[in-house]
Amino acid sequence: RNQGIGVTVVDPRWVLPVPQEIVVLAAGHKLVVTVEDNGVHGGVGSAVSGALRRAEVDVPCRDAALPQQFFEHASRGEVLDSVGLTERNLARQITGWVAALGASASDRASTTAQEVGDRFD
């Protein structure tokens, strides 16, 4: 929000199969970012990206997830911190991705949070 980037937050009840509503919603955005505390390969981001490709929705996708590696024993917070899955780092990454897309300030003027998980009962 501090960067003036509008967002839509989706927290689906399930991710497989990817609900059609998510594909439709993604089509109206300039960037899709998935964030998960799971492995990056074969995770939610892969599923969403695949669903968008199959639907011919040409929106760039970025995944923020755990690298496929073994981790030293640690708390969940310590593991997430070690790979940069923190609020501050995610905000920095997403801001960079949006800037790289060349979004103008007018395109990023409003912020909307939308919980759509309950739509998928």
N, C-alpha and C. Protein backbone atom coordinates (compact mmCIF):
# COMPACT_ATOMS: atom_id res chain seq x y z
N ARG A 1 0.82 -1.20 0.00
CA ARG A 1 0.00 0.00 0.00
C ARG A 1 0.86 1.25 0.00
N ASN A 2 1.94 1.20 0.75
CA ASN A 2 2.80 2.38 0.83
C ASN A 2 3.39 2.75 -0.52
N GLN A 3 3.47 1.79 -1.44
CA GLN A 3 4.02 2.04 -2.76
C GLN A 3 2.95 2.41 -3.77
N GLY A 4 1.69 2.45 -3.35
CA GLY A 4 0.60 2.78 -4.25
C GLY A 4 0.24 1.67 -5.22
N ILE A 5 0.54 0.45 -4.85
CA ILE A 5 0.24 -0.69 -5.71
C ILE A 5 -1.08 -1.31 -5.28
N GLY A 6 -2.02 -1.40 -6.21
CA GLY A 6 -3.31 -2.02 -5.93
C GLY A 6 -3.16 -3.54 -5.89
N VAL A 7 -3.84 -4.18 -4.97
CA VAL A 7 -3.75 -5.63 -4.85
C VAL A 7 -5.14 -6.24 -4.69
N THR A 8 -5.25 -7.46 -5.11
CA THR A 8 -6.41 -8.29 -4.82
C THR A 8 -5.87 -9.53 -4.13
N VAL A 9 -6.36 -9.82 -2.95
CA VAL A 9 -5.89 -10.98 -2.19
C VAL A 9 -6.91 -12.09 -2.34
N VAL A 10 -6.45 -13.25 -2.77
CA VAL A 10 -7.31 -14.41 -2.94
C VAL A 10 -6.81 -15.51 -2.02
N ASP A 11 -7.69 -16.02 -1.19
CA ASP A 11 -7.36 -17.13 -0.30
C ASP A 11 -8.37 -18.24 -0.56
N PRO A 12 -8.13 -19.05 -1.60
CA PRO A 12 -9.12 -20.06 -1.97
C PRO A 12 -9.22 -21.18 -0.94
N ARG A 13 -10.39 -21.76 -0.87
CA ARG A 13 -10.60 -22.89 0.04
C ARG A 13 -9.78 -24.09 -0.41
N TRP A 14 -9.61 -24.26 -1.71
CA TRP A 14 -8.76 -25.31 -2.26
C TRP A 14 -8.08 -24.75 -3.50
N VAL A 15 -7.04 -25.44 -3.96
CA VAL A 15 -6.30 -24.94 -5.11
C VAL A 15 -6.29 -25.92 -6.28
N LEU A 16 -6.64 -27.14 -6.04
CA LEU A 16 -6.66 -28.13 -7.12
C LEU A 16 -8.03 -28.78 -7.18
N PRO A 17 -8.68 -28.74 -8.29
CA PRO A 17 -8.27 -27.97 -9.47
C PRO A 17 -8.40 -26.47 -9.20
N VAL A 18 -7.64 -25.70 -9.94
CA VAL A 18 -7.69 -24.24 -9.78
C VAL A 18 -9.10 -23.79 -10.16
N PRO A 19 -9.80 -23.12 -9.26
CA PRO A 19 -11.16 -22.66 -9.57
C PRO A 19 -11.18 -21.68 -10.75
N GLN A 20 -12.15 -21.84 -11.61
CA GLN A 20 -12.30 -20.97 -12.78
C GLN A 20 -12.40 -19.51 -12.38
N GLU A 21 -12.97 -19.23 -11.21
CA GLU A 21 -13.10 -17.85 -10.74
C GLU A 21 -11.74 -17.18 -10.58
N ILE A 22 -10.74 -17.96 -10.20
CA ILE A 22 -9.38 -17.41 -10.05
C ILE A 22 -8.81 -17.06 -11.42
N VAL A 23 -9.04 -17.91 -12.41
CA VAL A 23 -8.56 -17.64 -13.77
C VAL A 23 -9.20 -16.36 -14.30
N VAL A 24 -10.51 -16.23 -14.12
CA VAL A 24 -11.22 -15.04 -14.58
C VAL A 24 -10.71 -13.80 -13.86
N LEU A 25 -10.52 -13.89 -12.56
CA LEU A 25 -10.02 -12.77 -11.77
C LEU A 25 -8.62 -12.37 -12.22
N ALA A 26 -7.76 -13.35 -12.46
CA ALA A 26 -6.39 -13.08 -12.88
C ALA A 26 -6.34 -12.35 -14.22
N ALA A 27 -7.29 -12.65 -15.09
CA ALA A 27 -7.30 -12.03 -16.42
C ALA A 27 -7.45 -10.52 -16.35
N GLY A 28 -7.99 -10.01 -15.27
CA GLY A 28 -8.17 -8.57 -15.11
C GLY A 28 -7.02 -7.87 -14.40
N HIS A 29 -5.90 -8.57 -14.23
CA HIS A 29 -4.76 -7.99 -13.51
C HIS A 29 -3.52 -7.97 -14.38
N LYS A 30 -2.55 -7.16 -14.00
CA LYS A 30 -1.30 -7.03 -14.74
C LYS A 30 -0.23 -8.00 -14.27
N LEU A 31 -0.40 -8.57 -13.07
CA LEU A 31 0.58 -9.49 -12.50
C LEU A 31 -0.13 -10.39 -11.51
N VAL A 32 0.24 -11.68 -11.51
CA VAL A 32 -0.25 -12.63 -10.52
C VAL A 32 0.94 -13.11 -9.71
N VAL A 33 0.83 -12.99 -8.39
CA VAL A 33 1.88 -13.46 -7.49
C VAL A 33 1.26 -14.48 -6.55
N THR A 34 1.85 -15.67 -6.50
CA THR A 34 1.41 -16.66 -5.53
C THR A 34 2.45 -16.73 -4.43
N VAL A 35 1.96 -16.85 -3.20
CA VAL A 35 2.83 -16.94 -2.03
C VAL A 35 2.41 -18.18 -1.26
N GLU A 36 3.36 -19.06 -0.99
CA GLU A 36 3.04 -20.28 -0.25
C GLU A 36 4.24 -20.74 0.56
N ASP A 37 3.94 -21.40 1.66
CA ASP A 37 5.02 -21.96 2.49
C ASP A 37 5.17 -23.45 2.17
N ASN A 38 5.33 -23.70 0.89
CA ASN A 38 5.48 -25.04 0.35
C ASN A 38 6.57 -24.96 -0.72
N GLY A 39 6.96 -26.10 -1.25
CA GLY A 39 7.96 -26.11 -2.30
C GLY A 39 7.48 -25.43 -3.56
N VAL A 40 8.40 -24.75 -4.24
CA VAL A 40 8.05 -23.98 -5.44
C VAL A 40 7.67 -24.90 -6.60
N HIS A 41 8.30 -26.06 -6.71
CA HIS A 41 8.01 -26.98 -7.81
C HIS A 41 6.79 -27.82 -7.47
N GLY A 42 5.79 -27.75 -8.32
CA GLY A 42 4.58 -28.53 -8.09
C GLY A 42 3.65 -27.93 -7.07
N GLY A 43 3.85 -26.69 -6.72
CA GLY A 43 3.03 -26.03 -5.71
C GLY A 43 1.87 -25.26 -6.32
N VAL A 44 1.30 -24.39 -5.51
CA VAL A 44 0.15 -23.58 -5.93
C VAL A 44 0.52 -22.70 -7.13
N GLY A 45 1.69 -22.10 -7.08
CA GLY A 45 2.10 -21.23 -8.18
C GLY A 45 2.14 -21.96 -9.51
N SER A 46 2.68 -23.18 -9.50
CA SER A 46 2.72 -23.98 -10.73
C SER A 46 1.31 -24.29 -11.22
N ALA A 47 0.42 -24.62 -10.30
CA ALA A 47 -0.96 -24.94 -10.67
C ALA A 47 -1.67 -23.73 -11.26
N VAL A 48 -1.51 -22.58 -10.62
CA VAL A 48 -2.16 -21.36 -11.11
C VAL A 48 -1.58 -20.96 -12.47
N SER A 49 -0.27 -20.98 -12.60
CA SER A 49 0.36 -20.63 -13.88
C SER A 49 -0.12 -21.55 -15.00
N GLY A 50 -0.20 -22.84 -14.71
CA GLY A 50 -0.68 -23.80 -15.70
C GLY A 50 -2.12 -23.54 -16.10
N ALA A 51 -2.97 -23.25 -15.13
CA ALA A 51 -4.38 -22.96 -15.42
C ALA A 51 -4.51 -21.71 -16.28
N LEU A 52 -3.69 -20.71 -16.01
CA LEU A 52 -3.74 -19.48 -16.81
C LEU A 52 -3.27 -19.74 -18.24
N ARG A 53 -2.21 -20.53 -18.40
CA ARG A 53 -1.73 -20.86 -19.75
C ARG A 53 -2.79 -21.62 -20.54
N ARG A 54 -3.41 -22.63 -19.89
CA ARG A 54 -4.43 -23.42 -20.59
C ARG A 54 -5.63 -22.56 -20.99
N ALA A 55 -5.93 -21.54 -20.20
CA ALA A 55 -7.05 -20.65 -20.51
C ALA A 55 -6.63 -19.50 -21.43
N GLU A 56 -5.36 -19.50 -21.84
CA GLU A 56 -4.79 -18.46 -22.69
C GLU A 56 -4.92 -17.08 -22.08
N VAL A 57 -4.73 -17.03 -20.76
CA VAL A 57 -4.69 -15.75 -20.03
C VAL A 57 -3.24 -15.34 -19.97
N ASP A 58 -2.90 -14.27 -20.67
CA ASP A 58 -1.51 -13.83 -20.80
C ASP A 58 -1.17 -12.79 -19.75
N VAL A 59 -1.07 -13.25 -18.50
CA VAL A 59 -0.70 -12.39 -17.38
C VAL A 59 0.59 -12.95 -16.78
N PRO A 60 1.61 -12.12 -16.58
CA PRO A 60 2.83 -12.62 -15.96
C PRO A 60 2.55 -13.19 -14.57
N CYS A 61 3.22 -14.30 -14.25
CA CYS A 61 3.06 -14.94 -12.94
C CYS A 61 4.42 -15.01 -12.25
N ARG A 62 4.42 -14.76 -10.97
CA ARG A 62 5.62 -14.89 -10.15
C ARG A 62 5.26 -15.73 -8.93
N ASP A 63 6.16 -16.63 -8.54
CA ASP A 63 5.93 -17.50 -7.40
C ASP A 63 6.89 -17.16 -6.27
N ALA A 64 6.37 -17.05 -5.08
CA ALA A 64 7.20 -16.89 -3.88
C ALA A 64 6.91 -18.12 -3.02
N ALA A 65 7.91 -19.00 -2.93
CA ALA A 65 7.73 -20.26 -2.22
C ALA A 65 9.08 -20.77 -1.76
N LEU A 66 9.06 -21.89 -1.08
CA LEU A 66 10.30 -22.49 -0.59
C LEU A 66 11.07 -23.13 -1.74
N PRO A 67 12.38 -22.95 -1.78
CA PRO A 67 13.18 -23.66 -2.77
C PRO A 67 13.15 -25.16 -2.46
N GLN A 68 13.33 -25.98 -3.49
CA GLN A 68 13.33 -27.43 -3.30
C GLN A 68 14.68 -27.84 -2.71
N GLN A 69 14.75 -27.86 -1.41
CA GLN A 69 15.98 -28.24 -0.72
C GLN A 69 15.63 -28.72 0.68
N PHE A 70 16.58 -29.38 1.32
CA PHE A 70 16.40 -29.77 2.71
C PHE A 70 16.80 -28.59 3.59
N PHE A 71 16.07 -28.39 4.66
CA PHE A 71 16.35 -27.29 5.57
C PHE A 71 16.82 -27.84 6.90
N GLU A 72 17.71 -27.09 7.54
CA GLU A 72 18.12 -27.43 8.89
C GLU A 72 16.90 -27.33 9.80
N HIS A 73 16.90 -28.10 10.85
CA HIS A 73 15.80 -28.05 11.80
C HIS A 73 15.67 -26.62 12.34
N ALA A 74 14.46 -26.08 12.24
CA ALA A 74 14.20 -24.71 12.71
C ALA A 74 12.70 -24.53 12.83
N SER A 75 12.31 -23.44 13.44
CA SER A 75 10.88 -23.12 13.50
C SER A 75 10.41 -22.70 12.11
N ARG A 76 9.11 -22.71 11.91
CA ARG A 76 8.53 -22.29 10.63
C ARG A 76 8.98 -20.86 10.30
N GLY A 77 8.91 -19.97 11.29
CA GLY A 77 9.31 -18.59 11.09
C GLY A 77 10.76 -18.46 10.68
N GLU A 78 11.62 -19.25 11.30
CA GLU A 78 13.04 -19.20 10.96
C GLU A 78 13.28 -19.68 9.53
N VAL A 79 12.58 -20.74 9.13
CA VAL A 79 12.73 -21.24 7.77
C VAL A 79 12.25 -20.19 6.76
N LEU A 80 11.08 -19.62 7.01
CA LEU A 80 10.55 -18.60 6.09
C LEU A 80 11.48 -17.40 6.01
N ASP A 81 12.02 -16.98 7.15
CA ASP A 81 12.96 -15.86 7.17
C ASP A 81 14.22 -16.19 6.38
N SER A 82 14.70 -17.43 6.50
CA SER A 82 15.95 -17.81 5.83
C SER A 82 15.84 -17.78 4.31
N VAL A 83 14.62 -17.91 3.78
CA VAL A 83 14.44 -17.89 2.32
C VAL A 83 13.76 -16.61 1.82
N GLY A 84 13.55 -15.66 2.73
CA GLY A 84 13.00 -14.37 2.33
C GLY A 84 11.49 -14.33 2.21
N LEU A 85 10.79 -15.30 2.77
CA LEU A 85 9.32 -15.28 2.75
C LEU A 85 8.80 -14.54 3.97
N THR A 86 9.17 -13.27 4.03
CA THR A 86 8.72 -12.40 5.11
C THR A 86 7.92 -11.26 4.49
N GLU A 87 7.10 -10.62 5.30
CA GLU A 87 6.27 -9.52 4.81
C GLU A 87 7.12 -8.44 4.13
N ARG A 88 8.18 -8.05 4.78
CA ARG A 88 9.03 -6.97 4.25
C ARG A 88 9.69 -7.38 2.93
N ASN A 89 10.25 -8.58 2.90
CA ASN A 89 10.93 -9.02 1.69
C ASN A 89 9.95 -9.25 0.54
N LEU A 90 8.78 -9.82 0.85
CA LEU A 90 7.77 -10.01 -0.20
C LEU A 90 7.32 -8.67 -0.78
N ALA A 91 7.12 -7.69 0.08
CA ALA A 91 6.73 -6.36 -0.39
C ALA A 91 7.80 -5.79 -1.32
N ARG A 92 9.05 -5.97 -0.96
CA ARG A 92 10.17 -5.47 -1.78
C ARG A 92 10.19 -6.21 -3.14
N GLN A 93 10.05 -7.53 -3.09
CA GLN A 93 10.06 -8.31 -4.33
C GLN A 93 8.91 -7.92 -5.25
N ILE A 94 7.72 -7.84 -4.70
CA ILE A 94 6.55 -7.53 -5.52
C ILE A 94 6.64 -6.13 -6.09
N THR A 95 7.13 -5.18 -5.30
CA THR A 95 7.34 -3.82 -5.80
C THR A 95 8.30 -3.83 -6.98
N GLY A 96 9.35 -4.60 -6.88
CA GLY A 96 10.31 -4.73 -7.99
C GLY A 96 9.69 -5.35 -9.22
N TRP A 97 8.89 -6.39 -9.03
CA TRP A 97 8.23 -7.03 -10.17
C TRP A 97 7.28 -6.07 -10.87
N VAL A 98 6.51 -5.32 -10.08
CA VAL A 98 5.58 -4.35 -10.66
C VAL A 98 6.36 -3.27 -11.41
N ALA A 99 7.43 -2.78 -10.82
CA ALA A 99 8.25 -1.75 -11.47
C ALA A 99 8.82 -2.28 -12.79
N ALA A 100 9.25 -3.53 -12.78
CA ALA A 100 9.81 -4.13 -13.99
C ALA A 100 8.77 -4.25 -15.10
N LEU A 101 7.52 -4.37 -14.74
CA LEU A 101 6.46 -4.43 -15.74
C LEU A 101 6.14 -3.06 -16.32
N GLY A 102 6.68 -2.01 -15.68
CA GLY A 102 6.48 -0.66 -16.18
C GLY A 102 5.10 -0.10 -15.89
N ALA A 103 4.47 -0.58 -14.82
CA ALA A 103 3.15 -0.07 -14.47
C ALA A 103 3.25 1.40 -14.11
N SER A 104 2.33 2.19 -14.62
CA SER A 104 2.34 3.62 -14.33
C SER A 104 1.67 3.89 -13.00
N ALA A 105 1.92 5.04 -12.44
CA ALA A 105 1.34 5.41 -11.15
C ALA A 105 -0.19 5.40 -11.21
N SER A 106 -0.76 5.78 -12.34
CA SER A 106 -2.22 5.79 -12.44
C SER A 106 -2.79 4.38 -12.45
N ASP A 107 -2.03 3.42 -12.97
CA ASP A 107 -2.48 2.03 -12.97
C ASP A 107 -2.44 1.43 -11.57
N ARG A 108 -1.67 2.06 -10.67
CA ARG A 108 -1.46 1.50 -9.35
C ARG A 108 -2.12 2.33 -8.27
N ALA A 109 -3.12 3.11 -8.62
CA ALA A 109 -3.65 4.11 -7.69
C ALA A 109 -4.49 3.56 -6.56
N SER A 110 -5.20 2.47 -6.75
CA SER A 110 -6.11 2.02 -5.70
C SER A 110 -5.70 0.67 -5.15
N THR A 111 -6.11 0.42 -3.94
CA THR A 111 -5.83 -0.85 -3.29
C THR A 111 -7.15 -1.50 -2.94
N THR A 112 -7.29 -2.74 -3.35
CA THR A 112 -8.50 -3.50 -3.06
C THR A 112 -8.09 -4.84 -2.49
N ALA A 113 -8.68 -5.22 -1.38
CA ALA A 113 -8.48 -6.57 -0.83
C ALA A 113 -9.78 -7.32 -0.99
N GLN A 114 -9.70 -8.47 -1.59
CA GLN A 114 -10.91 -9.23 -1.84
C GLN A 114 -10.68 -10.66 -1.37
N GLU A 115 -11.47 -11.10 -0.41
CA GLU A 115 -11.41 -12.48 0.05
C GLU A 115 -12.43 -13.27 -0.75
N VAL A 116 -11.96 -14.24 -1.53
CA VAL A 116 -12.88 -14.99 -2.36
C VAL A 116 -12.98 -16.45 -1.94
N GLY A 117 -12.33 -16.81 -0.88
CA GLY A 117 -12.34 -18.20 -0.45
C GLY A 117 -13.73 -18.75 -0.22
N ASP A 118 -14.63 -17.94 0.31
CA ASP A 118 -15.98 -18.42 0.60
C ASP A 118 -16.80 -18.68 -0.65
N ARG A 119 -16.36 -18.19 -1.80
CA ARG A 119 -17.08 -18.43 -3.05
C ARG A 119 -16.98 -19.88 -3.48
N PHE A 120 -16.00 -20.59 -2.96
CA PHE A 120 -15.69 -21.92 -3.47
C PHE A 120 -16.15 -23.02 -2.54
N ASP A 121 -17.24 -22.81 -1.81
CA ASP A 121 -17.78 -23.84 -0.90
C ASP A 121 -18.31 -25.02 -1.67
